[in-house]
Amino acid sequence: MLKETSLLNSIISQFQEAFSSTDGRIKLVRSMEGIVNGSQQKLEKVRLGLQEEEKNLNDLKDRYAAAIGEQKRCYSLLKAYQEKCAKNERFRRQSSK
């Protein structure tokens, strides 16, 4: 982006000179086309990077949701196990009396 800004500043500073001749106008148009092409390429590269990051984010969200589901399942199993242990302990105490 700094490169494009520098190029634009250079064109602005030489704008009058560029329009004083046909060759100058042609060079100016080519320079502007180069800037546009460079900016479009940079934009496409950034878009591709954004798409990749969004894909990574969605993958992480899916993994997180799966981990939360597994955590809930483990918590439920632990709670059932604790309840069963408490029930067995009560039964054992009653049997020993």
PDB file of N, CA and C in Angstrom:
ATOM      1  N   MET A   1       0.819  -1.180   0.000  1.00  0.00           N
ATOM      2  CA  MET A   1       0.000   0.000   0.000  1.00  0.00           C
ATOM      3  C   MET A   1       0.874   1.258   0.000  1.00  0.00           C
ATOM      4  N   LEU A   2       1.967   1.214   0.711  1.00  0.00           N
ATOM      5  CA  LEU A   2       2.877   2.363   0.721  1.00  0.00           C
ATOM      6  C   LEU A   2       3.444   2.599  -0.678  1.00  0.00           C
ATOM      7  N   LYS A   3       3.691   1.519  -1.386  1.00  0.00           N
ATOM      8  CA  LYS A   3       4.217   1.630  -2.754  1.00  0.00           C
ATOM      9  C   LYS A   3       3.213   2.356  -3.649  1.00  0.00           C
ATOM     10  N   GLU A   4       1.931   1.983  -3.537  1.00  0.00           N
ATOM     11  CA  GLU A   4       0.901   2.626  -4.340  1.00  0.00           C
ATOM     12  C   GLU A   4       0.761   4.104  -3.972  1.00  0.00           C
ATOM     13  N   THR A   5       0.827   4.407  -2.685  1.00  0.00           N
ATOM     14  CA  THR A   5       0.728   5.790  -2.235  1.00  0.00           C
ATOM     15  C   THR A   5       1.885   6.622  -2.776  1.00  0.00           C
ATOM     16  N   SER A   6       3.068   6.059  -2.724  1.00  0.00           N
ATOM     17  CA  SER A   6       4.247   6.749  -3.244  1.00  0.00           C
ATOM     18  C   SER A   6       4.108   7.010  -4.744  1.00  0.00           C
ATOM     19  N   LEU A   7       3.605   6.018  -5.452  1.00  0.00           N
ATOM     20  CA  LEU A   7       3.419   6.170  -6.895  1.00  0.00           C
ATOM     21  C   LEU A   7       2.385   7.245  -7.200  1.00  0.00           C
ATOM     22  N   LEU A   8       1.293   7.246  -6.446  1.00  0.00           N
ATOM     23  CA  LEU A   8       0.268   8.278  -6.644  1.00  0.00           C
ATOM     24  C   LEU A   8       0.824   9.676  -6.365  1.00  0.00           C
ATOM     25  N   ASN A   9       1.598   9.811  -5.312  1.00  0.00           N
ATOM     26  CA  ASN A   9       2.211  11.108  -4.998  1.00  0.00           C
ATOM     27  C   ASN A   9       3.140  11.551  -6.113  1.00  0.00           C
ATOM     28  N   SER A  10       3.868  10.626  -6.688  1.00  0.00           N
ATOM     29  CA  SER A  10       4.766  10.937  -7.800  1.00  0.00           C
ATOM     30  C   SER A  10       3.967  11.409  -9.013  1.00  0.00           C
ATOM     31  N   ILE A  11       2.872  10.747  -9.284  1.00  0.00           N
ATOM     32  CA  ILE A  11       2.035  11.132 -10.430  1.00  0.00           C
ATOM     33  C   ILE A  11       1.446  12.514 -10.214  1.00  0.00           C
ATOM     34  N   ILE A  12       0.962  12.774  -9.016  1.00  0.00           N
ATOM     35  CA  ILE A  12       0.376  14.080  -8.722  1.00  0.00           C
ATOM     36  C   ILE A  12       1.403  15.188  -8.906  1.00  0.00           C
ATOM     37  N   SER A  13       2.624  14.938  -8.442  1.00  0.00           N
ATOM     38  CA  SER A  13       3.653  15.971  -8.554  1.00  0.00           C
ATOM     39  C   SER A  13       4.061  16.235  -9.996  1.00  0.00           C
ATOM     40  N   GLN A  14       3.858  15.272 -10.873  1.00  0.00           N
ATOM     41  CA  GLN A  14       4.247  15.428 -12.277  1.00  0.00           C
ATOM     42  C   GLN A  14       3.026  15.517 -13.202  1.00  0.00           C
ATOM     43  N   PHE A  15       1.867  15.824 -12.649  1.00  0.00           N
ATOM     44  CA  PHE A  15       0.618  15.813 -13.397  1.00  0.00           C
ATOM     45  C   PHE A  15       0.621  16.819 -14.546  1.00  0.00           C
ATOM     46  N   GLN A  16       1.002  18.047 -14.281  1.00  0.00           N
ATOM     47  CA  GLN A  16       1.012  19.092 -15.321  1.00  0.00           C
ATOM     48  C   GLN A  16       1.972  18.732 -16.455  1.00  0.00           C
ATOM     49  N   GLU A  17       3.121  18.237 -16.058  1.00  0.00           N
ATOM     50  CA  GLU A  17       4.122  17.845 -17.047  1.00  0.00           C
ATOM     51  C   GLU A  17       3.592  16.701 -17.925  1.00  0.00           C
ATOM     52  N   ALA A  18       2.872  15.786 -17.311  1.00  0.00           N
ATOM     53  CA  ALA A  18       2.352  14.627 -18.039  1.00  0.00           C
ATOM     54  C   ALA A  18       1.333  15.049 -19.087  1.00  0.00           C
ATOM     55  N   PHE A  19       0.527  16.048 -18.807  1.00  0.00           N
ATOM     56  CA  PHE A  19      -0.499  16.464 -19.758  1.00  0.00           C
ATOM     57  C   PHE A  19       0.007  17.444 -20.805  1.00  0.00           C
ATOM     58  N   SER A  20       1.252  17.832 -20.739  1.00  0.00           N
ATOM     59  CA  SER A  20       1.791  18.769 -21.732  1.00  0.00           C
ATOM     60  C   SER A  20       2.161  18.077 -23.038  1.00  0.00           C
ATOM     61  N   SER A  21       2.257  16.759 -23.042  1.00  0.00           N
ATOM     62  CA  SER A  21       2.602  16.045 -24.277  1.00  0.00           C
ATOM     63  C   SER A  21       1.788  14.759 -24.388  1.00  0.00           C
ATOM     64  N   THR A  22       1.700  14.253 -25.598  1.00  0.00           N
ATOM     65  CA  THR A  22       0.969  13.009 -25.846  1.00  0.00           C
ATOM     66  C   THR A  22       1.648  11.845 -25.139  1.00  0.00           C
ATOM     67  N   ASP A  23       2.969  11.796 -25.234  1.00  0.00           N
ATOM     68  CA  ASP A  23       3.704  10.728 -24.557  1.00  0.00           C
ATOM     69  C   ASP A  23       3.480  10.781 -23.043  1.00  0.00           C
ATOM     70  N   GLY A  24       3.433  11.982 -22.496  1.00  0.00           N
ATOM     71  CA  GLY A  24       3.207  12.146 -21.067  1.00  0.00           C
ATOM     72  C   GLY A  24       1.845  11.617 -20.659  1.00  0.00           C
ATOM     73  N   ARG A  25       0.837  11.908 -21.474  1.00  0.00           N
ATOM     74  CA  ARG A  25      -0.514  11.411 -21.176  1.00  0.00           C
ATOM     75  C   ARG A  25      -0.556   9.881 -21.246  1.00  0.00           C
ATOM     76  N   ILE A  26       0.101   9.321 -22.247  1.00  0.00           N
ATOM     77  CA  ILE A  26       0.137   7.856 -22.386  1.00  0.00           C
ATOM     78  C   ILE A  26       0.830   7.227 -21.177  1.00  0.00           C
ATOM     79  N   LYS A  27       1.948   7.814 -20.766  1.00  0.00           N
ATOM     80  CA  LYS A  27       2.658   7.289 -19.586  1.00  0.00           C
ATOM     81  C   LYS A  27       1.794   7.409 -18.333  1.00  0.00           C
ATOM     82  N   LEU A  28       1.080   8.533 -18.217  1.00  0.00           N
ATOM     83  CA  LEU A  28       0.208   8.720 -17.058  1.00  0.00           C
ATOM     84  C   LEU A  28      -0.887   7.655 -17.024  1.00  0.00           C
ATOM     85  N   VAL A  29      -1.510   7.410 -18.171  1.00  0.00           N
ATOM     86  CA  VAL A  29      -2.577   6.400 -18.243  1.00  0.00           C
ATOM     87  C   VAL A  29      -2.012   5.027 -17.901  1.00  0.00           C
ATOM     88  N   ARG A  30      -0.846   4.705 -18.431  1.00  0.00           N
ATOM     89  CA  ARG A  30      -0.230   3.401 -18.120  1.00  0.00           C
ATOM     90  C   ARG A  30       0.106   3.289 -16.635  1.00  0.00           C
ATOM     91  N   SER A  31       0.595   4.371 -16.084  1.00  0.00           N
ATOM     92  CA  SER A  31       0.900   4.364 -14.647  1.00  0.00           C
ATOM     93  C   SER A  31      -0.365   4.140 -13.825  1.00  0.00           C
ATOM     94  N   MET A  32      -1.438   4.819 -14.211  1.00  0.00           N
ATOM     95  CA  MET A  32      -2.703   4.661 -13.499  1.00  0.00           C
ATOM     96  C   MET A  32      -3.227   3.235 -13.652  1.00  0.00           C
ATOM     97  N   GLU A  33      -3.099   2.678 -14.852  1.00  0.00           N
ATOM     98  CA  GLU A  33      -3.520   1.290 -15.063  1.00  0.00           C
ATOM     99  C   GLU A  33      -2.696   0.344 -14.196  1.00  0.00           C
ATOM    100  N   GLY A  34      -1.407   0.620 -14.096  1.00  0.00           N
ATOM    101  CA  GLY A  34      -0.539  -0.195 -13.240  1.00  0.00           C
ATOM    102  C   GLY A  34      -0.957  -0.117 -11.784  1.00  0.00           C
ATOM    103  N   ILE A  35      -1.306   1.071 -11.350  1.00  0.00           N
ATOM    104  CA  ILE A  35      -1.757   1.250  -9.972  1.00  0.00           C
ATOM    105  C   ILE A  35      -3.052   0.477  -9.733  1.00  0.00           C
ATOM    106  N   VAL A  36      -3.972   0.607 -10.664  1.00  0.00           N
ATOM    107  CA  VAL A  36      -5.255  -0.099 -10.529  1.00  0.00           C
ATOM    108  C   VAL A  36      -5.028  -1.603 -10.505  1.00  0.00           C
ATOM    109  N   ASN A  37      -4.212  -2.112 -11.419  1.00  0.00           N
ATOM    110  CA  ASN A  37      -3.931  -3.554 -11.464  1.00  0.00           C
ATOM    111  C   ASN A  37      -3.260  -4.020 -10.171  1.00  0.00           C
ATOM    112  N   GLY A  38      -2.284  -3.276  -9.713  1.00  0.00           N
ATOM    113  CA  GLY A  38      -1.599  -3.626  -8.470  1.00  0.00           C
ATOM    114  C   GLY A  38      -2.553  -3.628  -7.285  1.00  0.00           C
ATOM    115  N   SER A  39      -3.421  -2.627  -7.233  1.00  0.00           N
ATOM    116  CA  SER A  39      -4.398  -2.548  -6.144  1.00  0.00           C
ATOM    117  C   SER A  39      -5.387  -3.708  -6.209  1.00  0.00           C
ATOM    118  N   GLN A  40      -5.812  -4.060  -7.419  1.00  0.00           N
ATOM    119  CA  GLN A  40      -6.744  -5.182  -7.568  1.00  0.00           C
ATOM    120  C   GLN A  40      -6.086  -6.498  -7.148  1.00  0.00           C
ATOM    121  N   GLN A  41      -4.829  -6.675  -7.501  1.00  0.00           N
ATOM    122  CA  GLN A  41      -4.115  -7.890  -7.101  1.00  0.00           C
ATOM    123  C   GLN A  41      -3.972  -7.955  -5.581  1.00  0.00           C
ATOM    124  N   LYS A  42      -3.641  -6.828  -4.995  1.00  0.00           N
ATOM    125  CA  LYS A  42      -3.501  -6.775  -3.537  1.00  0.00           C
ATOM    126  C   LYS A  42      -4.840  -7.058  -2.862  1.00  0.00           C
ATOM    127  N   LEU A  43      -5.906  -6.477  -3.395  1.00  0.00           N
ATOM    128  CA  LEU A  43      -7.239  -6.691  -2.851  1.00  0.00           C
ATOM    129  C   LEU A  43      -7.623  -8.170  -2.939  1.00  0.00           C
ATOM    130  N   GLU A  44      -7.347  -8.794  -4.072  1.00  0.00           N
ATOM    131  CA  GLU A  44      -7.660 -10.214  -4.235  1.00  0.00           C
ATOM    132  C   GLU A  44      -6.861 -11.070  -3.255  1.00  0.00           C
ATOM    133  N   LYS A  45      -5.600 -10.724  -3.059  1.00  0.00           N
ATOM    134  CA  LYS A  45      -4.764 -11.452  -2.106  1.00  0.00           C
ATOM    135  C   LYS A  45      -5.327 -11.319  -0.693  1.00  0.00           C
ATOM    136  N   VAL A  46      -5.751 -10.124  -0.337  1.00  0.00           N
ATOM    137  CA  VAL A  46      -6.331  -9.894   0.987  1.00  0.00           C
ATOM    138  C   VAL A  46      -7.645 -10.650   1.119  1.00  0.00           C
ATOM    139  N   ARG A  47      -8.462 -10.656   0.055  1.00  0.00           N
ATOM    140  CA  ARG A  47      -9.731 -11.401   0.093  1.00  0.00           C
ATOM    141  C   ARG A  47      -9.479 -12.895   0.304  1.00  0.00           C
ATOM    142  N   LEU A  48      -8.495 -13.440  -0.403  1.00  0.00           N
ATOM    143  CA  LEU A  48      -8.171 -14.851  -0.235  1.00  0.00           C
ATOM    144  C   LEU A  48      -7.709 -15.144   1.192  1.00  0.00           C
ATOM    145  N   GLY A  49      -6.893 -14.243   1.731  1.00  0.00           N
ATOM    146  CA  GLY A  49      -6.452 -14.395   3.115  1.00  0.00           C
ATOM    147  C   GLY A  49      -7.618 -14.340   4.087  1.00  0.00           C
ATOM    148  N   LEU A  50      -8.553 -13.434   3.830  1.00  0.00           N
ATOM    149  CA  LEU A  50      -9.739 -13.309   4.674  1.00  0.00           C
ATOM    150  C   LEU A  50     -10.587 -14.578   4.604  1.00  0.00           C
ATOM    151  N   GLN A  51     -10.774 -15.116   3.402  1.00  0.00           N
ATOM    152  CA  GLN A  51     -11.537 -16.356   3.252  1.00  0.00           C
ATOM    153  C   GLN A  51     -10.878 -17.494   4.023  1.00  0.00           C
ATOM    154  N   GLU A  52      -9.565 -17.574   3.950  1.00  0.00           N
ATOM    155  CA  GLU A  52      -8.834 -18.623   4.667  1.00  0.00           C
ATOM    156  C   GLU A  52      -9.003 -18.453   6.180  1.00  0.00           C
ATOM    157  N   GLU A  53      -8.920 -17.221   6.649  1.00  0.00           N
ATOM    158  CA  GLU A  53      -9.094 -16.952   8.074  1.00  0.00           C
ATOM    159  C   GLU A  53     -10.522 -17.275   8.526  1.00  0.00           C
ATOM    160  N   GLU A  54     -11.503 -16.949   7.678  1.00  0.00           N
ATOM    161  CA  GLU A  54     -12.888 -17.271   8.015  1.00  0.00           C
ATOM    162  C   GLU A  54     -13.091 -18.781   8.081  1.00  0.00           C
ATOM    163  N   LYS A  55     -12.459 -19.511   7.168  1.00  0.00           N
ATOM    164  CA  LYS A  55     -12.538 -20.975   7.171  1.00  0.00           C
ATOM    165  C   LYS A  55     -11.910 -21.518   8.458  1.00  0.00           C
ATOM    166  N   ASN A  56     -10.745 -20.982   8.819  1.00  0.00           N
ATOM    167  CA  ASN A  56     -10.092 -21.400  10.066  1.00  0.00           C
ATOM    168  C   ASN A  56     -10.974 -21.090  11.274  1.00  0.00           C
ATOM    169  N   LEU A  57     -11.591 -19.919  11.264  1.00  0.00           N
ATOM    170  CA  LEU A  57     -12.473 -19.533  12.368  1.00  0.00           C
ATOM    171  C   LEU A  57     -13.649 -20.498  12.478  1.00  0.00           C
ATOM    172  N   ASN A  58     -14.265 -20.827  11.354  1.00  0.00           N
ATOM    173  CA  ASN A  58     -15.393 -21.755  11.373  1.00  0.00           C
ATOM    174  C   ASN A  58     -14.966 -23.139  11.853  1.00  0.00           C
ATOM    175  N   ASP A  59     -13.791 -23.591  11.419  1.00  0.00           N
ATOM    176  CA  ASP A  59     -13.269 -24.874  11.889  1.00  0.00           C
ATOM    177  C   ASP A  59     -13.067 -24.859  13.404  1.00  0.00           C
ATOM    178  N   LEU A  60     -12.489 -23.774  13.912  1.00  0.00           N
ATOM    179  CA  LEU A  60     -12.277 -23.652  15.358  1.00  0.00           C
ATOM    180  C   LEU A  60     -13.598 -23.596  16.115  1.00  0.00           C
ATOM    181  N   LYS A  61     -14.592 -22.909  15.548  1.00  0.00           N
ATOM    182  CA  LYS A  61     -15.908 -22.860  16.192  1.00  0.00           C
ATOM    183  C   LYS A  61     -16.514 -24.261  16.265  1.00  0.00           C
ATOM    184  N   ASP A  62     -16.373 -25.026  15.178  1.00  0.00           N
ATOM    185  CA  ASP A  62     -16.887 -26.398  15.167  1.00  0.00           C
ATOM    186  C   ASP A  62     -16.179 -27.255  16.213  1.00  0.00           C
ATOM    187  N   ARG A  63     -14.861 -27.124  16.277  1.00  0.00           N
ATOM    188  CA  ARG A  63     -14.091 -27.888  17.263  1.00  0.00           C
ATOM    189  C   ARG A  63     -14.480 -27.481  18.682  1.00  0.00           C
ATOM    190  N   TYR A  64     -14.682 -26.204  18.905  1.00  0.00           N
ATOM    191  CA  TYR A  64     -15.077 -25.709  20.216  1.00  0.00           C
ATOM    192  C   TYR A  64     -16.448 -26.268  20.600  1.00  0.00           C
ATOM    193  N   ALA A  65     -17.391 -26.218  19.658  1.00  0.00           N
ATOM    194  CA  ALA A  65     -18.735 -26.745  19.935  1.00  0.00           C
ATOM    195  C   ALA A  65     -18.665 -28.236  20.263  1.00  0.00           C
ATOM    196  N   ALA A  66     -17.835 -28.977  19.529  1.00  0.00           N
ATOM    197  CA  ALA A  66     -17.678 -30.403  19.803  1.00  0.00           C
ATOM    198  C   ALA A  66     -17.067 -30.617  21.186  1.00  0.00           C
ATOM    199  N   ALA A  67     -16.084 -29.800  21.546  1.00  0.00           N
ATOM    200  CA  ALA A  67     -15.440 -29.928  22.861  1.00  0.00           C
ATOM    201  C   ALA A  67     -16.431 -29.595  23.980  1.00  0.00           C
ATOM    202  N   ILE A  68     -17.255 -28.584  23.781  1.00  0.00           N
ATOM    203  CA  ILE A  68     -18.271 -28.230  24.779  1.00  0.00           C
ATOM    204  C   ILE A  68     -19.270 -29.375  24.926  1.00  0.00           C
ATOM    205  N   GLY A  69     -19.676 -29.962  23.791  1.00  0.00           N
ATOM    206  CA  GLY A  69     -20.584 -31.110  23.850  1.00  0.00           C
ATOM    207  C   GLY A  69     -19.969 -32.274  24.607  1.00  0.00           C
ATOM    208  N   GLU A  70     -18.696 -32.541  24.349  1.00  0.00           N
ATOM    209  CA  GLU A  70     -17.991 -33.621  25.046  1.00  0.00           C
ATOM    210  C   GLU A  70     -17.866 -33.316  26.532  1.00  0.00           C
ATOM    211  N   GLN A  71     -17.618 -32.055  26.852  1.00  0.00           N
ATOM    212  CA  GLN A  71     -17.515 -31.658  28.261  1.00  0.00           C
ATOM    213  C   GLN A  71     -18.853 -31.872  28.976  1.00  0.00           C
ATOM    214  N   LYS A  72     -19.936 -31.507  28.316  1.00  0.00           N
ATOM    215  CA  LYS A  72     -21.258 -31.705  28.918  1.00  0.00           C
ATOM    216  C   LYS A  72     -21.541 -33.191  29.116  1.00  0.00           C
ATOM    217  N   ARG A  73     -21.179 -33.995  28.120  1.00  0.00           N
ATOM    218  CA  ARG A  73     -21.382 -35.436  28.226  1.00  0.00           C
ATOM    219  C   ARG A  73     -20.578 -36.010  29.396  1.00  0.00           C
ATOM    220  N   CYS A  74     -19.325 -35.586  29.521  1.00  0.00           N
ATOM    221  CA  CYS A  74     -18.480 -36.058  30.625  1.00  0.00           C
ATOM    222  C   CYS A  74     -19.040 -35.613  31.973  1.00  0.00           C
ATOM    223  N   TYR A  75     -19.540 -34.392  32.032  1.00  0.00           N
ATOM    224  CA  TYR A  75     -20.130 -33.893  33.273  1.00  0.00           C
ATOM    225  C   TYR A  75     -21.350 -34.733  33.644  1.00  0.00           C
ATOM    226  N   SER A  76     -22.189 -35.041  32.665  1.00  0.00           N
ATOM    227  CA  SER A  76     -23.375 -35.869  32.926  1.00  0.00           C
ATOM    228  C   SER A  76     -22.979 -37.253  33.408  1.00  0.00           C
ATOM    229  N   LEU A  77     -21.978 -37.848  32.772  1.00  0.00           N
ATOM    230  CA  LEU A  77     -21.508 -39.165  33.197  1.00  0.00           C
ATOM    231  C   LEU A  77     -20.934 -39.126  34.609  1.00  0.00           C
ATOM    232  N   LEU A  78     -20.164 -38.082  34.907  1.00  0.00           N
ATOM    233  CA  LEU A  78     -19.590 -37.936  36.241  1.00  0.00           C
ATOM    234  C   LEU A  78     -20.689 -37.786  37.290  1.00  0.00           C
ATOM    235  N   LYS A  79     -21.679 -36.969  36.983  1.00  0.00           N
ATOM    236  CA  LYS A  79     -22.781 -36.770  37.923  1.00  0.00           C
ATOM    237  C   LYS A  79     -23.530 -38.084  38.152  1.00  0.00           C
ATOM    238  N   ALA A  80     -23.804 -38.833  37.091  1.00  0.00           N
ATOM    239  CA  ALA A  80     -24.486 -40.121  37.231  1.00  0.00           C
ATOM    240  C   ALA A  80     -23.636 -41.088  38.053  1.00  0.00           C
ATOM    241  N   TYR A  81     -22.311 -41.065  37.804  1.00  0.00           N
ATOM    242  CA  TYR A  81     -21.403 -41.932  38.559  1.00  0.00           C
ATOM    243  C   TYR A  81     -21.416 -41.569  40.042  1.00  0.00           C
ATOM    244  N   GLN A  82     -21.362 -40.273  40.336  1.00  0.00           N
ATOM    245  CA  GLN A  82     -21.376 -39.829  41.729  1.00  0.00           C
ATOM    246  C   GLN A  82     -22.686 -40.207  42.414  1.00  0.00           C
ATOM    247  N   GLU A  83     -23.787 -40.068  41.700  1.00  0.00           N
ATOM    248  CA  GLU A  83     -25.075 -40.444  42.271  1.00  0.00           C
ATOM    249  C   GLU A  83     -25.130 -41.946  42.548  1.00  0.00           C
ATOM    250  N   LYS A  84     -24.602 -42.732  41.611  1.00  0.00           N
ATOM    251  CA  LYS A  84     -24.569 -44.187  41.788  1.00  0.00           C
ATOM    252  C   LYS A  84     -23.683 -44.565  42.978  1.00  0.00           C
ATOM    253  N   CYS A  85     -22.534 -43.901  43.094  1.00  0.00           N
ATOM    254  CA  CYS A  85     -21.644 -44.168  44.233  1.00  0.00           C
ATOM    255  C   CYS A  85     -22.331 -43.817  45.544  1.00  0.00           C
ATOM    256  N   ALA A  86     -23.022 -42.672  45.579  1.00  0.00           N
ATOM    257  CA  ALA A  86     -23.720 -42.257  46.801  1.00  0.00           C
ATOM    258  C   ALA A  86     -24.825 -43.258  47.137  1.00  0.00           C
ATOM    259  N   LYS A  87     -25.539 -43.732  46.139  1.00  0.00           N
ATOM    260  CA  LYS A  87     -26.595 -44.724  46.352  1.00  0.00           C
ATOM    261  C   LYS A  87     -26.004 -46.023  46.882  1.00  0.00           C
ATOM    262  N   ASN A  88     -24.894 -46.470  46.291  1.00  0.00           N
ATOM    263  CA  ASN A  88     -24.227 -47.692  46.760  1.00  0.00           C
ATOM    264  C   ASN A  88     -23.720 -47.531  48.182  1.00  0.00           C
ATOM    265  N   GLU A  89     -23.203 -46.352  48.503  1.00  0.00           N
ATOM    266  CA  GLU A  89     -22.709 -46.092  49.860  1.00  0.00           C
ATOM    267  C   GLU A  89     -23.853 -46.156  50.860  1.00  0.00           C
ATOM    268  N   ARG A  90     -24.980 -45.567  50.556  1.00  0.00           N
ATOM    269  CA  ARG A  90     -26.167 -45.635  51.443  1.00  0.00           C
ATOM    270  C   ARG A  90     -26.627 -47.080  51.616  1.00  0.00           C
ATOM    271  N   PHE A  91     -26.626 -47.810  50.491  1.00  0.00           N
ATOM    272  CA  PHE A  91     -27.040 -49.221  50.559  1.00  0.00           C
ATOM    273  C   PHE A  91     -26.077 -50.020  51.430  1.00  0.00           C
ATOM    274  N   ARG A  92     -24.780 -49.767  51.294  1.00  0.00           N
ATOM    275  CA  ARG A  92     -23.784 -50.478  52.091  1.00  0.00           C
ATOM    276  C   ARG A  92     -23.934 -50.169  53.578  1.00  0.00           C
ATOM    277  N   ARG A  93     -24.203 -48.913  53.904  1.00  0.00           N
ATOM    278  CA  ARG A  93     -24.379 -48.522  55.303  1.00  0.00           C
ATOM    279  C   ARG A  93     -25.621 -49.192  55.903  1.00  0.00           C
ATOM    280  N   GLN A  94     -26.674 -49.252  55.116  1.00  0.00           N
ATOM    281  CA  GLN A  94     -27.892 -49.876  55.614  1.00  0.00           C
ATOM    282  C   GLN A  94     -27.691 -51.388  55.781  1.00  0.00           C
ATOM    283  N   SER A  95     -26.909 -51.985  54.905  1.00  0.00           N
ATOM    284  CA  SER A  95     -26.665 -53.428  54.979  1.00  0.00           C
ATOM    285  C   SER A  95     -25.811 -53.781  56.177  1.00  0.00           C
ATOM    286  N   SER A  96     -24.894 -52.906  56.564  1.00  0.00           N
ATOM    287  CA  SER A  96     -23.986 -53.207  57.663  1.00  0.00           C
ATOM    288  C   SER A  96     -24.633 -53.012  59.026  1.00  0.00           C
ATOM    289  N   LYS A  97     -25.770 -52.379  59.115  1.00  0.00           N
ATOM    290  CA  LYS A  97     -26.421 -52.127  60.410  1.00  0.00           C
ATOM    291  C   LYS A  97     -27.123 -53.319  60.924  1.00  0.00           C
TER     292      LYS A  97
END
